[in-house]
Protein backbone atom coordinates (compact mmCIF):
# COMPACT_ATOMS: atom_id res chain seq x y z
CA MET A 1 270.97 182.71 141.25
CA LYS A 2 271.27 178.93 140.91
CA ARG A 3 270.19 177.42 137.59
CA VAL A 4 268.07 174.16 137.58
CA LEU A 5 267.30 172.00 134.45
CA PHE A 6 264.35 169.60 134.37
CA TYR A 7 265.22 166.98 131.71
CA LEU A 8 262.01 165.01 131.16
CA PRO A 9 262.04 162.61 128.20
CA VAL A 10 259.69 160.03 129.98
CA VAL A 11 257.47 162.21 132.23
CA THR A 12 253.82 161.28 131.70
CA PRO A 13 251.16 163.98 131.58
CA TRP A 14 249.87 162.92 135.02
CA TRP A 15 253.38 163.04 136.53
CA PHE A 16 254.02 166.55 135.10
CA ASP A 17 250.87 167.91 136.25
CA ASN A 18 250.82 166.45 139.88
CA ILE A 19 254.54 166.10 140.64
CA VAL A 20 256.92 168.20 138.34
CA SER A 21 254.86 171.26 137.78
CA ARG A 22 254.63 171.61 141.66
CA MET A 23 258.31 171.48 141.98
CA ILE A 24 258.79 174.01 139.22
CA ARG A 25 256.48 176.49 140.97
CA SER A 26 258.35 175.82 144.09
CA LEU A 27 261.70 176.53 142.51
CA VAL A 28 261.03 179.61 140.45
CA ALA A 29 261.50 181.83 143.46
CA GLU A 30 264.86 180.38 144.17
CA ALA A 31 266.37 179.61 140.94
CA GLU A 32 266.47 180.12 137.09
CA VAL A 33 264.51 177.23 135.79
CA HIS A 34 264.67 175.64 132.49
CA VAL A 35 262.70 172.67 131.21
CA LEU A 36 263.81 170.52 128.33
CA VAL A 37 260.99 168.01 127.21
CA PRO A 38 259.92 166.46 124.20
CA PRO A 39 256.22 166.76 122.98
CA LEU A 40 253.75 163.82 123.85
CA TRP A 41 254.58 160.57 122.32
CA ARG A 42 253.37 157.19 123.70
CA ASN A 43 251.93 159.11 126.78
CA THR A 44 255.45 160.62 127.50
CA GLY A 45 256.46 164.30 127.23
CA ILE A 46 254.12 167.13 127.52
CA GLY A 47 251.22 168.52 125.39
CA PRO A 48 249.32 171.79 125.01
CA GLU A 49 247.21 171.03 128.18
CA GLN A 50 250.47 170.87 130.32
CA LEU A 51 251.70 174.05 128.85
CA LYS A 52 248.40 175.87 129.42
CA ASN A 53 248.29 174.78 133.09
CA CYS A 54 251.83 176.41 133.43
CA ALA A 55 251.00 179.57 131.52
CA SER A 56 251.46 181.78 134.82
CA LEU A 57 255.08 180.49 135.06
CA THR A 58 256.48 183.17 132.94
CA GLU A 59 259.83 182.99 134.41
CA VAL A 60 260.41 179.53 133.24
CA ARG A 61 262.56 178.95 130.25
CA TRP A 62 260.83 176.19 128.15
CA HIS A 63 262.69 174.12 125.66
CA ILE A 64 260.29 171.78 123.65
CA ALA A 65 262.34 169.23 121.66
CA ASP A 66 259.91 168.78 118.80
CA GLY A 67 262.38 167.60 116.09
CA ASP A 68 261.90 164.46 114.24
CA GLY A 69 264.05 162.38 116.28
CA HIS A 70 262.45 163.24 119.69
CA PRO A 71 260.97 159.67 120.18
CA SER A 72 264.45 158.35 120.38
CA TRP A 73 265.35 160.65 123.45
CA ARG A 74 263.37 158.24 125.64
CA THR A 75 265.80 155.33 125.42
CA SER A 76 268.74 156.10 122.98
CA PRO A 77 268.80 159.55 121.38
CA ASP A 78 269.71 159.70 117.62
CA ASP A 79 272.17 162.43 118.38
CA PRO A 80 273.09 162.46 122.08
CA ASP A 81 276.03 165.10 121.39
CA GLU A 82 273.46 167.61 120.24
CA ILE A 83 271.52 167.31 123.48
CA VAL A 84 274.65 167.44 125.63
CA GLU A 85 275.84 170.47 123.76
CA PHE A 86 272.35 172.24 124.27
CA VAL A 87 272.55 171.41 128.05
CA GLN A 88 276.10 172.61 128.25
CA ALA A 89 274.94 176.01 126.90
CA ILE A 90 272.43 176.17 129.72
CA ASP A 91 275.14 175.22 132.21
CA PRO A 92 272.89 174.20 134.92
CA ASP A 93 274.02 173.85 138.57
CA TYR A 94 271.35 171.04 139.07
CA VAL A 95 269.55 168.66 136.82
CA LEU A 96 266.27 166.92 137.89
CA CYS A 97 265.95 164.01 135.43
CA ARG A 98 263.05 161.81 134.40
CA SER A 99 264.53 159.64 131.62
CA ALA A 100 265.07 156.02 130.74
CA ASP A 101 268.13 157.08 128.90
CA ILE A 102 270.93 157.47 131.56
CA ALA A 103 273.90 157.57 129.35
CA THR A 104 273.09 161.00 127.87
CA PRO A 105 272.36 162.92 131.04
CA SER A 106 275.36 161.39 132.74
CA ARG A 107 277.35 163.82 130.48
CA PHE A 108 275.42 166.81 131.70
CA PRO A 109 277.16 169.44 133.80
CA GLY A 110 275.63 170.07 137.24
CA LYS A 111 274.52 167.82 140.09
CA MET A 112 272.07 165.18 138.75
CA ARG A 113 269.07 163.61 140.54
CA TYR A 114 266.60 161.10 139.16
CA LEU A 115 262.85 161.81 140.00
CA MET A 116 261.60 158.35 141.05
CA GLU A 117 258.53 156.71 142.59
CA PRO A 118 258.64 156.37 146.40
CA GLY A 119 257.09 152.75 146.74
CA ALA A 120 258.63 150.32 149.26
CA PRO A 121 256.48 147.37 149.93
CA PRO A 122 255.27 145.76 152.04
CA LEU A 123 254.99 149.30 153.75
CA PHE A 124 252.72 151.81 152.60
CA THR A 125 254.39 155.04 151.43
CA TYR A 126 253.09 158.41 150.96
CA ALA A 127 251.13 158.07 147.70
CA ARG A 128 251.86 161.42 146.20
CA GLY A 129 255.53 161.42 147.25
CA ILE A 130 258.63 161.34 145.05
CA THR A 131 262.41 160.54 145.66
CA LEU A 132 265.49 162.49 144.54
CA GLN A 133 267.91 159.63 143.74
CA ALA A 134 271.67 160.08 142.71
CA ASP A 135 271.31 156.71 140.58
CA PHE A 136 268.77 155.32 138.43
CA SER A 137 266.98 152.23 139.98
CA HIS A 138 269.87 151.52 142.43
CA HIS A 139 267.56 149.62 144.86
CA GLY A 140 268.38 150.10 148.55
CA ALA A 141 271.10 152.92 147.97
CA MET A 142 271.68 155.45 150.77
CA PRO A 143 274.15 158.35 150.90
CA HIS A 144 277.00 158.18 153.21
CA LEU A 145 275.88 158.13 156.77
CA SER A 146 277.90 158.76 159.86
CA ASP A 147 277.29 156.81 162.96
CA ASP A 148 275.39 159.91 164.44
CA ASP A 149 273.24 159.92 161.23
CA ARG A 150 272.37 156.28 161.57
CA GLU A 151 271.50 156.73 165.23
CA ALA A 152 269.37 159.80 164.51
CA ILE A 153 267.38 157.62 161.78
CA GLU A 154 266.87 154.70 164.16
CA THR A 155 265.86 156.74 167.18
CA ALA A 156 263.37 158.91 165.11
CA PHE A 157 261.88 155.74 163.50
CA ALA A 158 261.87 153.25 166.23
CA ASP A 159 258.34 153.51 167.37
CA THR A 160 256.91 154.02 163.81
CA TRP A 161 258.92 150.92 162.60
CA ARG A 162 257.21 148.87 165.17
CA GLN A 163 253.67 150.18 164.36
CA MET A 164 254.43 149.65 160.57
CA ARG A 165 255.60 146.10 161.22
CA ALA A 166 252.48 145.52 163.27
CA ARG A 167 250.22 146.67 160.49
CA VAL A 168 251.89 144.29 157.93
CA ASP A 169 251.60 141.41 160.28
CA ASN A 170 248.07 142.00 161.21
CA ARG A 171 246.66 142.30 157.79
CA TRP A 172 243.95 139.56 157.42
CA GLU A 173 245.65 137.87 154.54
CA ALA A 174 249.00 137.77 156.36
CA ARG A 175 247.44 135.65 159.13
CA ARG A 176 246.60 132.73 156.82
CA PRO A 177 248.80 129.70 156.89
CA ARG A 178 251.22 128.82 154.17
CA THR A 179 249.28 125.60 153.13
CA GLU A 180 246.01 127.38 152.80
CA VAL A 181 247.68 130.37 150.85
CA LEU A 182 249.31 128.00 148.38
CA GLN A 183 246.20 125.90 147.99
CA ASN A 184 244.09 129.01 147.15
CA MET A 185 246.70 130.20 144.80
CA GLY A 186 246.62 126.86 142.98
CA LEU A 187 250.33 126.08 144.11
CA PRO A 188 251.62 122.89 145.19
CA ASP A 189 252.93 122.32 148.70
CA ASP A 190 255.41 119.57 147.89
CA ARG A 191 257.80 121.76 145.59
CA LYS A 192 259.81 124.94 146.35
CA ILE A 193 258.09 128.04 145.28
CA LEU A 194 259.84 130.92 143.51
CA ALA A 195 257.89 134.02 143.21
CA VAL A 196 258.20 136.19 139.99
CA PRO A 197 256.43 139.42 140.09
CA LEU A 198 256.16 140.76 136.51
CA GLU A 199 257.04 144.19 135.27
CA TYR A 200 254.74 146.72 133.72
CA GLU A 201 254.92 146.07 129.97
CA HIS A 202 253.08 149.06 128.21
CA GLU A 203 254.46 151.00 125.42
CA GLU A 204 255.05 153.93 127.73
CA ALA A 205 257.24 151.71 130.03
CA PHE A 206 260.56 152.74 128.41
CA ASN A 207 262.40 151.74 131.59
CA SER A 208 262.34 148.11 130.41
CA ILE A 209 265.64 148.70 128.60
CA HIS A 210 267.10 148.34 132.10
CA HIS A 211 265.69 144.91 132.66
CA ARG A 212 267.80 141.75 131.71
CA PHE A 213 264.62 140.69 129.72
CA GLU A 214 262.57 143.35 128.01
CA ARG A 215 259.63 141.16 127.39
CA ASN A 216 257.92 139.32 130.32
CA LEU A 217 257.55 136.22 128.02
CA ASP A 218 261.34 136.04 127.55
CA LEU A 219 262.05 136.12 131.34
CA ILE A 220 259.50 133.37 132.01
CA GLN A 221 260.79 131.14 129.30
CA TYR A 222 264.52 131.74 130.34
CA LEU A 223 263.58 130.67 133.92
CA ALA A 224 261.39 127.79 132.91
CA ASP A 225 264.11 126.17 130.76
CA ARG A 226 266.75 126.29 133.56
CA LEU A 227 264.50 125.39 136.75
CA ASP A 228 265.17 122.23 138.48
CA ASP A 229 262.22 119.80 138.89
CA ASP A 230 261.62 120.54 142.53
CA PHE A 231 260.97 124.16 141.90
CA VAL A 232 257.97 125.98 140.42
CA LEU A 233 257.64 129.51 139.22
CA ALA A 234 254.66 131.36 140.76
CA VAL A 235 253.88 134.42 138.57
CA THR A 236 252.09 137.42 139.58
CA ASP A 237 251.21 140.08 136.86
CA HIS A 238 251.67 143.84 137.46
CA PRO A 239 248.40 145.57 138.48
CA LEU A 240 248.85 148.14 135.54
CA ASN A 241 249.13 145.28 133.04
CA TYR A 242 245.64 144.12 134.01
CA GLN A 243 244.45 147.65 133.38
CA HIS A 244 246.16 148.67 130.22
CA VAL A 245 247.91 145.70 128.50
CA ASP A 246 246.56 142.68 126.66
CA ASN A 247 248.53 139.82 128.19
CA SER A 248 246.59 136.91 126.74
CA LYS A 249 249.41 135.51 124.75
CA LEU A 250 251.67 135.61 127.84
CA TYR A 251 249.01 133.75 129.83
CA GLU A 252 248.73 131.19 127.06
CA ALA A 253 252.56 130.69 126.91
CA ILE A 254 252.49 130.26 130.76
CA ALA A 255 249.84 127.70 130.55
CA ALA A 256 251.65 125.73 127.84
CA LEU A 257 254.66 125.54 130.16
CA GLY A 258 252.81 123.10 132.32
CA PRO A 259 253.59 122.48 135.94
CA ARG A 260 256.90 124.37 135.93
CA VAL A 261 255.12 127.72 135.87
CA HIS A 262 251.84 128.83 137.49
CA LEU A 263 250.10 132.20 137.14
CA VAL A 264 248.46 133.53 140.35
CA PRO A 265 245.67 135.63 138.86
CA ASN A 266 244.39 138.88 140.51
CA PRO A 267 242.62 141.02 137.85
CA ASP A 268 240.44 142.85 140.38
CA ALA A 269 243.09 143.67 143.08
CA GLU A 270 241.09 142.37 145.83
CA TYR A 271 244.05 141.44 147.92
CA PHE A 272 247.80 141.84 147.81
CA PRO A 273 248.87 138.69 145.82
CA THR A 274 252.44 139.58 145.38
CA GLU A 275 253.14 140.56 148.89
CA LEU A 276 251.27 137.47 150.03
CA LEU A 277 253.22 135.18 147.72
CA ILE A 278 256.48 136.75 148.72
CA ARG A 279 255.69 136.14 152.33
CA HIS A 280 255.20 132.37 151.76
CA CYS A 281 257.50 131.64 148.91
CA ASP A 282 260.94 130.06 149.17
CA GLY A 283 262.72 132.43 146.89
CA LEU A 284 262.10 135.62 144.87
CA ILE A 285 263.07 136.64 141.24
CA VAL A 286 262.86 140.32 140.25
CA GLN A 287 264.26 142.58 137.51
CA ASN A 288 263.64 146.16 138.65
CA THR A 289 260.44 145.94 140.45
CA LYS A 290 260.17 147.46 143.94
CA ALA A 291 258.89 144.02 145.07
CA ILE A 292 262.60 143.55 145.92
CA TYR A 293 261.98 145.28 149.20
CA SER A 294 259.31 142.76 150.15
CA GLY A 295 261.82 140.11 149.62
CA ALA A 296 264.21 141.76 151.93
CA TYR A 297 261.39 142.50 154.50
CA PHE A 298 260.43 138.87 154.60
CA GLY A 299 264.04 137.49 154.44
CA LYS A 300 263.69 135.85 150.98
CA PRO A 301 266.82 134.94 148.88
CA THR A 302 266.45 137.18 145.85
CA LEU A 303 267.78 136.80 142.33
CA ARG A 304 267.96 140.13 140.67
CA LEU A 305 268.13 140.05 136.86
CA SER A 306 268.84 143.58 135.99
CA LYS A 307 271.22 146.10 134.42
CA ARG A 308 271.02 148.26 137.61
CA PRO A 309 272.91 147.74 140.86
CA SER A 310 271.57 146.72 144.22
CA ALA A 311 272.79 147.94 147.57
CA GLU A 312 274.97 145.43 149.44
CA TRP A 313 272.61 145.08 152.35
CA LEU A 314 269.87 143.65 150.11
CA ARG A 315 272.11 140.59 149.53
CA THR A 316 270.80 139.91 146.08
CA ILE A 317 271.88 136.80 144.19
CA ASP A 318 273.27 137.01 140.53
CA ASP A 319 272.03 133.71 138.75
CA LEU A 320 269.35 131.14 138.93
CA GLU A 321 271.54 128.24 139.91
CA ALA A 322 272.84 130.41 142.95
CA LEU A 323 269.21 131.02 143.90
CA GLN A 324 268.26 127.50 143.85
CA THR A 325 271.34 126.53 145.97
CA ALA A 326 270.44 129.31 148.42
CA VAL A 327 266.85 128.02 148.78
CA ALA A 328 268.14 124.42 149.49
CA LEU A 329 270.87 125.34 151.88
CA GLY A 330 268.99 128.09 153.90
CA TYR A 331 269.44 131.85 153.61
CA GLN A 332 270.08 134.63 156.02
CA GLY A 333 268.46 137.79 154.66
CA PRO A 334 269.06 141.49 155.78
CA THR A 335 269.20 141.96 159.58
CA GLU A 336 266.51 143.71 161.58
CA ASP A 337 268.89 146.74 161.92
CA GLU A 338 269.58 146.82 158.15
CA LEU A 339 266.00 146.86 157.47
CA ARG A 340 264.92 149.38 160.02
CA LEU A 341 267.79 151.67 158.92
CA TRP A 342 266.94 151.72 155.16
CA PHE A 343 263.18 151.74 155.59
CA GLY A 344 263.72 154.60 158.18
CA PHE A 345 265.99 156.64 155.82
CA HIS A 346 263.50 156.09 153.00
CA MET A 347 260.30 156.87 154.90
CA LEU A 348 261.46 159.81 156.86
CA HIS A 349 264.06 161.41 154.66
CA GLU A 350 264.22 160.28 151.02
CA ILE A 351 260.37 160.50 150.20
CA VAL A 352 259.42 164.24 149.80
CA SER A 353 256.14 165.85 149.20
CA PRO A 354 256.07 167.89 145.91
CA ILE A 355 253.16 169.70 147.29
CA ALA A 356 254.84 170.79 150.60
CA ILE A 357 258.59 171.07 149.67
CA THR A 358 259.87 174.58 149.01
CA GLY A 359 262.39 175.53 146.36
CA ARG A 360 264.99 176.32 149.08
CA ASP A 361 264.35 172.94 150.51
CA ILE A 362 264.79 171.23 146.98
CA LEU A 363 268.21 173.04 146.54
CA ASP A 364 269.30 172.22 150.00
CA ARG A 365 268.78 168.43 149.34
CA LEU A 366 270.62 168.60 146.06
CA ASP A 367 273.59 170.14 148.00
CA ARG A 368 273.33 167.90 151.20
CA PRO A 369 272.03 164.48 150.40
CA PHE A 370 271.37 163.85 154.06
CA SER A 371 270.60 166.11 157.08
CA SER A 372 269.07 164.71 160.20
CA ASP A 373 266.97 168.04 160.64
CA ARG A 374 264.77 166.77 157.91
CA LEU A 375 263.73 163.62 159.97
CA ALA A 376 261.06 165.29 162.08
CA THR A 377 259.05 166.48 158.98
CA GLY A 378 259.31 163.18 157.41
CA LEU A 379 258.20 161.37 160.53
CA GLU A 380 255.08 163.78 160.99
CA ARG A 381 254.23 163.10 157.37
CA ALA A 382 254.67 159.23 157.66
CA ASP A 383 252.75 158.84 160.80
CA ALA A 384 249.86 161.01 159.39
CA TYR A 385 249.55 159.03 156.24
CA GLN A 386 249.61 155.78 158.29
CA ARG A 387 246.83 157.20 160.37
CA GLN A 388 244.78 157.94 157.32
CA LEU A 389 245.22 154.31 156.20
CA ASP A 390 244.01 153.02 159.65
CA MET A 391 240.85 155.11 159.33
CA ALA A 392 240.19 153.92 155.88
CA ALA A 393 240.71 150.16 156.78
């Protein structure tokens, strides 16, 4: 029997209850399952309620890391060698990881996959889905695909891709002209617009260690200090910051920067301000946000300030000066074929349902990163979800 380890330093209670516990239940019939997780701290780890909900899973081997140093597990463990030795003693065949620290789990035995969110704007993805990714925040990555694999994806996705593109283009806010959009956002129409969607900046957001700038304020100040006069930074805040973070000091700092930076507010999420802004901007600046896919979709030159890699097809830019040059000289974004292939791979294959997937399917995905025989199930789920969105519209 195969041995599976869930390594979960930054899992939130919601994620554990709705995503991870379902995968554990699926796997116990197929594998020996171990769970290595710290207790709750800053809304990560698990508490008594999560363990109570899993009381029936008597086959699971629980390892609760409740030592004094467990808070450090989220980002940089005080004693990573101790963790590695403990995992080596378990000797897993597979590791399913939810961690901001990627250096320590990279030393674990077994095949590693990161449990990641499935968002890929501007398309709507299955809300309760997850992805099993070989690398942490490697945006746009795909496993090796043969010519037959690529053809299978493109054939399966062709009609759905056309329908999804039509949904994006037919949203009411998408039909508004650029001049009207910029005017309503308070942006000038005589300067180049660089969109800057901010990251979630709550204390539970440990992934910020992979941003080039852990604080949004530092990012904005860095960009504003280096921006040419014919550009303006158009900033949108993360929806969760409006709900859970007091960003008043950031907003005051943005206001103090004058005409170089403009905040596009949207506290009530009445429309899609980031998507609308990216559609009409001249360039995009991101760190690790999935808004990078909107930039690719709308063909915008994109500067990514991140410690994590980007797939070559995204054609990201490395520095602000190069971005300003790309805007001034014109830019060729990903081709239609590249967009269709990645979105098809992501929507039909990479996203899985923790509710529907079986333990055998999970193990198969860990052994075979791609198989065209999974596309039909992914297509059925994607189309069903899009029909639900149409009914709710």
